[in-house]
PDB file of all heavy atoms in Angstrom:
ATOM      1  N   GLY A   1     115.284 103.172  86.097  1.00  0.00           N
ATOM      2  CA  GLY A   1     116.682 102.861  86.204  1.00  0.00           C
ATOM      3  C   GLY A   1     117.551 104.060  86.577  1.00  0.00           C
ATOM      4  O   GLY A   1     118.621 103.880  87.229  1.00  0.00           O
ATOM      5  N   ALA A   2     117.117 105.261  86.259  1.00  0.00           N
ATOM      6  CA  ALA A   2     117.886 106.456  86.516  1.00  0.00           C
ATOM      7  C   ALA A   2     117.690 106.950  87.953  1.00  0.00           C
ATOM      8  O   ALA A   2     118.407 107.826  88.417  1.00  0.00           O
ATOM      9  CB  ALA A   2     117.526 107.604  85.574  1.00  0.00           C
ATOM     10  N   ALA A   3     116.706 106.379  88.685  1.00  0.00           N
ATOM     11  CA  ALA A   3     116.415 106.813  90.042  1.00  0.00           C
ATOM     12  C   ALA A   3     117.265 105.950  90.985  1.00  0.00           C
ATOM     13  O   ALA A   3     116.935 104.834  91.247  1.00  0.00           O
ATOM     14  CB  ALA A   3     114.915 106.613  90.329  1.00  0.00           C
ATOM     15  N   ARG A   4     118.352 106.583  91.514  1.00  0.00           N
ATOM     16  CA  ARG A   4     119.146 105.854  92.492  1.00  0.00           C
ATOM     17  C   ARG A   4     118.337 105.780  93.799  1.00  0.00           C
ATOM     18  O   ARG A   4     117.684 106.765  94.177  1.00  0.00           O
ATOM     19  CB  ARG A   4     120.469 106.622  92.756  1.00  0.00           C
ATOM     20  CG  ARG A   4     121.310 106.714  91.499  1.00  0.00           C
ATOM     21  CD  ARG A   4     122.670 107.365  91.764  1.00  0.00           C
ATOM     22  NE  ARG A   4     122.551 108.695  92.258  1.00  0.00           N
ATOM     23  CZ  ARG A   4     122.355 109.796  91.507  1.00  0.00           C
ATOM     24  NH1 ARG A   4     122.163 109.672  90.193  1.00  0.00           N
ATOM     25  NH2 ARG A   4     122.296 110.958  92.022  1.00  0.00           N
ATOM     26  N   HIS A   5     118.386 104.630  94.461  1.00  0.00           N
ATOM     27  CA  HIS A   5     117.493 104.475  95.584  1.00  0.00           C
ATOM     28  C   HIS A   5     118.182 103.734  96.729  1.00  0.00           C
ATOM     29  O   HIS A   5     119.154 102.940  96.517  1.00  0.00           O
ATOM     30  CB  HIS A   5     116.230 103.748  95.207  1.00  0.00           C
ATOM     31  CG  HIS A   5     116.389 102.336  94.818  1.00  0.00           C
ATOM     32  ND1 HIS A   5     116.177 101.290  95.661  1.00  0.00           N
ATOM     33  CD2 HIS A   5     116.755 101.748  93.632  1.00  0.00           C
ATOM     34  CE1 HIS A   5     116.409 100.148  95.041  1.00  0.00           C
ATOM     35  NE2 HIS A   5     116.811 100.434  93.818  1.00  0.00           N
ATOM     36  N   GLY A   6     117.735 103.932  97.937  1.00  0.00           N
ATOM     37  CA  GLY A   6     118.158 103.183  99.071  1.00  0.00           C
ATOM     38  C   GLY A   6     117.095 103.227 100.164  1.00  0.00           C
ATOM     39  O   GLY A   6     115.924 103.681  99.910  1.00  0.00           O
ATOM     40  N   SER A   7     117.407 102.688 101.338  1.00  0.00           N
ATOM     41  CA  SER A   7     116.417 102.639 102.410  1.00  0.00           C
ATOM     42  C   SER A   7     117.104 102.805 103.758  1.00  0.00           C
ATOM     43  O   SER A   7     118.366 102.604 103.873  1.00  0.00           O
ATOM     44  CB  SER A   7     115.675 101.310 102.376  1.00  0.00           C
ATOM     45  OG  SER A   7     116.575 100.226 102.609  1.00  0.00           O
ATOM     46  N   VAL A   8     116.321 103.168 104.683  1.00  0.00           N
ATOM     47  CA  VAL A   8     116.830 103.245 106.065  1.00  0.00           C
ATOM     48  C   VAL A   8     116.006 102.270 106.929  1.00  0.00           C
ATOM     49  O   VAL A   8     114.794 102.229 106.921  1.00  0.00           O
ATOM     50  CB  VAL A   8     116.698 104.669 106.684  1.00  0.00           C
ATOM     51  CG1 VAL A   8     117.095 104.705 108.118  1.00  0.00           C
ATOM     52  CG2 VAL A   8     117.522 105.687 105.827  1.00  0.00           C
ATOM     53  N   ARG A   9     116.734 101.484 107.694  1.00  0.00           N
ATOM     54  CA  ARG A   9     116.144 100.432 108.480  1.00  0.00           C
ATOM     55  C   ARG A   9     116.658 100.549 109.939  1.00  0.00           C
ATOM     56  O   ARG A   9     117.820 101.060 110.177  1.00  0.00           O
ATOM     57  CB  ARG A   9     116.532  99.100 107.927  1.00  0.00           C
ATOM     58  CG  ARG A   9     115.767  97.922 108.438  1.00  0.00           C
ATOM     59  CD  ARG A   9     116.070  96.646 107.613  1.00  0.00           C
ATOM     60  NE  ARG A   9     115.810  96.866 106.170  1.00  0.00           N
ATOM     61  CZ  ARG A   9     116.193  96.050 105.224  1.00  0.00           C
ATOM     62  NH1 ARG A   9     116.989  95.050 105.542  1.00  0.00           N
ATOM     63  NH2 ARG A   9     115.875  96.319 103.961  1.00  0.00           N
ATOM     64  N   ILE A  10     115.888 100.080 110.848  1.00  0.00           N
ATOM     65  CA  ILE A  10     116.304 100.125 112.272  1.00  0.00           C
ATOM     66  C   ILE A  10     116.939  98.767 112.593  1.00  0.00           C
ATOM     67  O   ILE A  10     116.260  97.726 112.412  1.00  0.00           O
ATOM     68  CB  ILE A  10     115.177 100.443 113.199  1.00  0.00           C
ATOM     69  CG1 ILE A  10     114.576 101.838 112.866  1.00  0.00           C
ATOM     70  CG2 ILE A  10     115.600 100.403 114.637  1.00  0.00           C
ATOM     71  CD1 ILE A  10     113.305 102.163 113.617  1.00  0.00           C
ATOM     72  N   ALA A  11     118.149  98.743 113.149  1.00  0.00           N
ATOM     73  CA  ALA A  11     118.787  97.472 113.485  1.00  0.00           C
ATOM     74  C   ALA A  11     118.103  96.821 114.623  1.00  0.00           C
ATOM     75  O   ALA A  11     117.667  97.461 115.575  1.00  0.00           O
ATOM     76  CB  ALA A  11     120.269  97.737 113.852  1.00  0.00           C
ATOM     77  N   THR A  12     117.904  95.520 114.577  1.00  0.00           N
ATOM     78  CA  THR A  12     117.244  94.765 115.606  1.00  0.00           C
ATOM     79  C   THR A  12     118.190  93.917 116.469  1.00  0.00           C
ATOM     80  O   THR A  12     117.805  93.388 117.467  1.00  0.00           O
ATOM     81  CB  THR A  12     116.173  93.796 114.990  1.00  0.00           C
ATOM     82  OG1 THR A  12     116.858  92.943 114.056  1.00  0.00           O
ATOM     83  CG2 THR A  12     115.147  94.607 114.269  1.00  0.00           C
ATOM     84  N   GLU A  13     119.449  93.836 116.023  1.00  0.00           N
ATOM     85  CA  GLU A  13     120.425  93.090 116.772  1.00  0.00           C
ATOM     86  C   GLU A  13     121.856  93.567 116.483  1.00  0.00           C
ATOM     87  O   GLU A  13     122.068  94.305 115.510  1.00  0.00           O
ATOM     88  CB  GLU A  13     120.358  91.563 116.437  1.00  0.00           C
ATOM     89  CG  GLU A  13     120.596  91.289 114.942  1.00  0.00           C
ATOM     90  CD  GLU A  13     120.385  89.827 114.604  1.00  0.00           C
ATOM     91  OE1 GLU A  13     119.687  89.122 115.389  1.00  0.00           O
ATOM     92  OE2 GLU A  13     120.925  89.361 113.583  1.00  0.00           O
ATOM     93  N   ARG A  14     122.779  93.160 117.283  1.00  0.00           N
ATOM     94  CA  ARG A  14     124.170  93.582 117.107  1.00  0.00           C
ATOM     95  C   ARG A  14     124.734  92.757 115.924  1.00  0.00           C
ATOM     96  O   ARG A  14     124.526  91.536 115.820  1.00  0.00           O
ATOM     97  CB  ARG A  14     124.997  93.288 118.334  1.00  0.00           C
ATOM     98  CG  ARG A  14     126.394  93.926 118.313  1.00  0.00           C
ATOM     99  CD  ARG A  14     127.038  93.738 119.714  1.00  0.00           C
ATOM    100  NE  ARG A  14     128.224  94.564 119.805  1.00  0.00           N
ATOM    101  CZ  ARG A  14     129.451  94.225 119.426  1.00  0.00           C
ATOM    102  NH1 ARG A  14     129.634  93.034 118.916  1.00  0.00           N
ATOM    103  NH2 ARG A  14     130.486  95.091 119.516  1.00  0.00           N
ATOM    104  N   ALA A  15     125.375  93.444 114.974  1.00  0.00           N
ATOM    105  CA  ALA A  15     125.933  92.718 113.797  1.00  0.00           C
ATOM    106  C   ALA A  15     127.060  93.533 113.197  1.00  0.00           C
ATOM    107  O   ALA A  15     127.248  94.732 113.450  1.00  0.00           O
ATOM    108  CB  ALA A  15     124.817  92.558 112.772  1.00  0.00           C
ATOM    109  N   LEU A  16     127.877  92.815 112.398  1.00  0.00           N
ATOM    110  CA  LEU A  16     129.005  93.460 111.688  1.00  0.00           C
ATOM    111  C   LEU A  16     128.573  93.804 110.276  1.00  0.00           C
ATOM    112  O   LEU A  16     128.097  92.916 109.560  1.00  0.00           O
ATOM    113  CB  LEU A  16     130.236  92.530 111.702  1.00  0.00           C
ATOM    114  CG  LEU A  16     131.449  93.082 111.011  1.00  0.00           C
ATOM    115  CD1 LEU A  16     131.951  94.329 111.714  1.00  0.00           C
ATOM    116  CD2 LEU A  16     132.528  92.019 110.966  1.00  0.00           C
ATOM    117  N   THR A  17     128.691  95.025 109.844  1.00  0.00           N
ATOM    118  CA  THR A  17     128.302  95.446 108.516  1.00  0.00           C
ATOM    119  C   THR A  17     129.499  96.052 107.786  1.00  0.00           C
ATOM    120  O   THR A  17     130.588  96.228 108.397  1.00  0.00           O
ATOM    121  CB  THR A  17     127.195  96.523 108.527  1.00  0.00           C
ATOM    122  OG1 THR A  17     127.751  97.752 108.935  1.00  0.00           O
ATOM    123  CG2 THR A  17     126.062  96.142 109.552  1.00  0.00           C
ATOM    124  N   TRP A  18     129.352  96.379 106.505  1.00  0.00           N
ATOM    125  CA  TRP A  18     130.429  96.978 105.776  1.00  0.00           C
ATOM    126  C   TRP A  18     130.782  98.347 106.379  1.00  0.00           C
ATOM    127  O   TRP A  18     131.883  98.835 106.204  1.00  0.00           O
ATOM    128  CB  TRP A  18     130.014  97.186 104.335  1.00  0.00           C
ATOM    129  CG  TRP A  18     130.056  95.944 103.510  1.00  0.00           C
ATOM    130  CD1 TRP A  18     129.004  95.187 103.067  1.00  0.00           C
ATOM    131  CD2 TRP A  18     131.245  95.261 103.038  1.00  0.00           C
ATOM    132  NE1 TRP A  18     129.418  94.093 102.406  1.00  0.00           N
ATOM    133  CE2 TRP A  18     130.829  94.130 102.336  1.00  0.00           C
ATOM    134  CE3 TRP A  18     132.608  95.533 103.139  1.00  0.00           C
ATOM    135  CZ2 TRP A  18     131.722  93.243 101.722  1.00  0.00           C
ATOM    136  CZ3 TRP A  18     133.481  94.655 102.555  1.00  0.00           C
ATOM    137  CH2 TRP A  18     133.054  93.514 101.888  1.00  0.00           C
ATOM    138  N   ALA A  19     129.825  98.978 107.013  1.00  0.00           N
ATOM    139  CA  ALA A  19     130.044 100.280 107.621  1.00  0.00           C
ATOM    140  C   ALA A  19     130.486 100.247 109.088  1.00  0.00           C
ATOM    141  O   ALA A  19     130.522 101.241 109.744  1.00  0.00           O
ATOM    142  CB  ALA A  19     128.786 101.130 107.450  1.00  0.00           C
ATOM    143  N   GLY A  20     130.696  99.035 109.584  1.00  0.00           N
ATOM    144  CA  GLY A  20     131.069  98.851 110.960  1.00  0.00           C
ATOM    145  C   GLY A  20     130.038  98.068 111.772  1.00  0.00           C
ATOM    146  O   GLY A  20     129.033  97.621 111.205  1.00  0.00           O
ATOM    147  N   THR A  21     130.236  97.993 113.040  1.00  0.00           N
ATOM    148  CA  THR A  21     129.332  97.253 113.965  1.00  0.00           C
ATOM    149  C   THR A  21     128.079  98.075 114.252  1.00  0.00           C
ATOM    150  O   THR A  21     128.214  99.279 114.593  1.00  0.00           O
ATOM    151  CB  THR A  21     130.026  96.827 115.193  1.00  0.00           C
ATOM    152  OG1 THR A  21     131.178  96.034 114.862  1.00  0.00           O
ATOM    153  CG2 THR A  21     129.086  96.033 116.106  1.00  0.00           C
ATOM    154  N   CYS A  22     126.943  97.471 114.168  1.00  0.00           N
ATOM    155  CA  CYS A  22     125.684  98.137 114.568  1.00  0.00           C
ATOM    156  C   CYS A  22     125.141  97.527 115.840  1.00  0.00           C
ATOM    157  O   CYS A  22     125.418  96.371 116.148  1.00  0.00           O
ATOM    158  CB  CYS A  22     124.673  98.098 113.448  1.00  0.00           C
ATOM    159  SG  CYS A  22     124.001  96.439 113.127  1.00  0.00           S
ATOM    160  N   GLU A  23     124.396  98.339 116.584  1.00  0.00           N
ATOM    161  CA  GLU A  23     123.749  97.894 117.816  1.00  0.00           C
ATOM    162  C   GLU A  23     122.209  98.023 117.615  1.00  0.00           C
ATOM    163  O   GLU A  23     121.749  98.767 116.768  1.00  0.00           O
ATOM    164  CB  GLU A  23     124.161  98.755 118.977  1.00  0.00           C
ATOM    165  CG  GLU A  23     125.656  98.759 119.264  1.00  0.00           C
ATOM    166  CD  GLU A  23     126.212  97.437 119.781  1.00  0.00           C
ATOM    167  OE1 GLU A  23     125.380  96.604 120.197  1.00  0.00           O
ATOM    168  OE2 GLU A  23     127.451  97.228 119.718  1.00  0.00           O
ATOM    169  N   PRO A  24     121.474  97.261 118.388  1.00  0.00           N
ATOM    170  CA  PRO A  24     120.003  97.375 118.267  1.00  0.00           C
ATOM    171  C   PRO A  24     119.547  98.792 118.437  1.00  0.00           C
ATOM    172  O   PRO A  24     120.031  99.536 119.380  1.00  0.00           O
ATOM    173  CB  PRO A  24     119.476  96.495 119.393  1.00  0.00           C
ATOM    174  CG  PRO A  24     120.555  95.495 119.607  1.00  0.00           C
ATOM    175  CD  PRO A  24     121.863  96.231 119.340  1.00  0.00           C
ATOM    176  N   GLY A  25     118.671  99.305 117.583  1.00  0.00           N
ATOM    177  CA  GLY A  25     118.192 100.657 117.687  1.00  0.00           C
ATOM    178  C   GLY A  25     118.938 101.618 116.697  1.00  0.00           C
ATOM    179  O   GLY A  25     118.441 102.739 116.486  1.00  0.00           O
ATOM    180  N   ASN A  26     120.091 101.209 116.199  1.00  0.00           N
ATOM    181  CA  ASN A  26     120.834 102.068 115.278  1.00  0.00           C
ATOM    182  C   ASN A  26     120.036 102.215 113.991  1.00  0.00           C
ATOM    183  O   ASN A  26     119.230 101.352 113.544  1.00  0.00           O
ATOM    184  CB  ASN A  26     122.170 101.485 114.926  1.00  0.00           C
ATOM    185  CG  ASN A  26     123.226 101.670 116.008  1.00  0.00           C
ATOM    186  OD1 ASN A  26     124.223 101.019 116.029  1.00  0.00           O
ATOM    187  ND2 ASN A  26     122.971 102.590 116.959  1.00  0.00           N
ATOM    188  N   GLY A  27     120.242 103.378 113.306  1.00  0.00           N
ATOM    189  CA  GLY A  27     119.730 103.543 111.937  1.00  0.00           C
ATOM    190  C   GLY A  27     120.717 103.063 110.914  1.00  0.00           C
ATOM    191  O   GLY A  27     121.925 103.348 111.049  1.00  0.00           O
ATOM    192  N   LEU A  28     120.243 102.283 109.954  1.00  0.00           N
ATOM    193  CA  LEU A  28     121.111 101.679 108.944  1.00  0.00           C
ATOM    194  C   LEU A  28     120.794 102.287 107.565  1.00  0.00           C
ATOM    195  O   LEU A  28     119.614 102.164 107.114  1.00  0.00           O
ATOM    196  CB  LEU A  28     120.978 100.155 108.920  1.00  0.00           C
ATOM    197  CG  LEU A  28     121.187  99.422 110.217  1.00  0.00           C
ATOM    198  CD1 LEU A  28     120.934  97.939 110.035  1.00  0.00           C
ATOM    199  CD2 LEU A  28     122.556  99.655 110.826  1.00  0.00           C
ATOM    200  N   GLY A  29     121.713 102.892 106.933  1.00  0.00           N
ATOM    201  CA  GLY A  29     121.488 103.401 105.599  1.00  0.00           C
ATOM    202  C   GLY A  29     121.932 102.317 104.583  1.00  0.00           C
ATOM    203  O   GLY A  29     123.061 101.902 104.596  1.00  0.00           O
ATOM    204  N   ILE A  30     120.987 101.841 103.717  1.00  0.00           N
ATOM    205  CA  ILE A  30     121.224 100.700 102.847  1.00  0.00           C
ATOM    206  C   ILE A  30     121.054 101.137 101.395  1.00  0.00           C
ATOM    207  O   ILE A  30     120.087 101.831 101.021  1.00  0.00           O
ATOM    208  CB  ILE A  30     120.271  99.547 103.196  1.00  0.00           C
ATOM    209  CG1 ILE A  30     120.412  99.133 104.657  1.00  0.00           C
ATOM    210  CG2 ILE A  30     120.480  98.365 102.276  1.00  0.00           C
ATOM    211  CD1 ILE A  30     119.345  98.203 105.116  1.00  0.00           C
ATOM    212  N   ALA A  31     122.007 100.727 100.537  1.00  0.00           N
ATOM    213  CA  ALA A  31     121.873 100.927  99.135  1.00  0.00           C
ATOM    214  C   ALA A  31     122.580  99.752  98.399  1.00  0.00           C
ATOM    215  O   ALA A  31     123.652  99.269  98.909  1.00  0.00           O
ATOM    216  CB  ALA A  31     122.524 102.246  98.662  1.00  0.00           C
TER     217      ALA A  31
END
């Protein structure tokens, strides 16, 4: 529980996220 964690994923399509619009190939930092 004390280990804060997240992941990085590669976007596969154009989409609107909380951090703005992503394009295919962008790196997405997720927590």
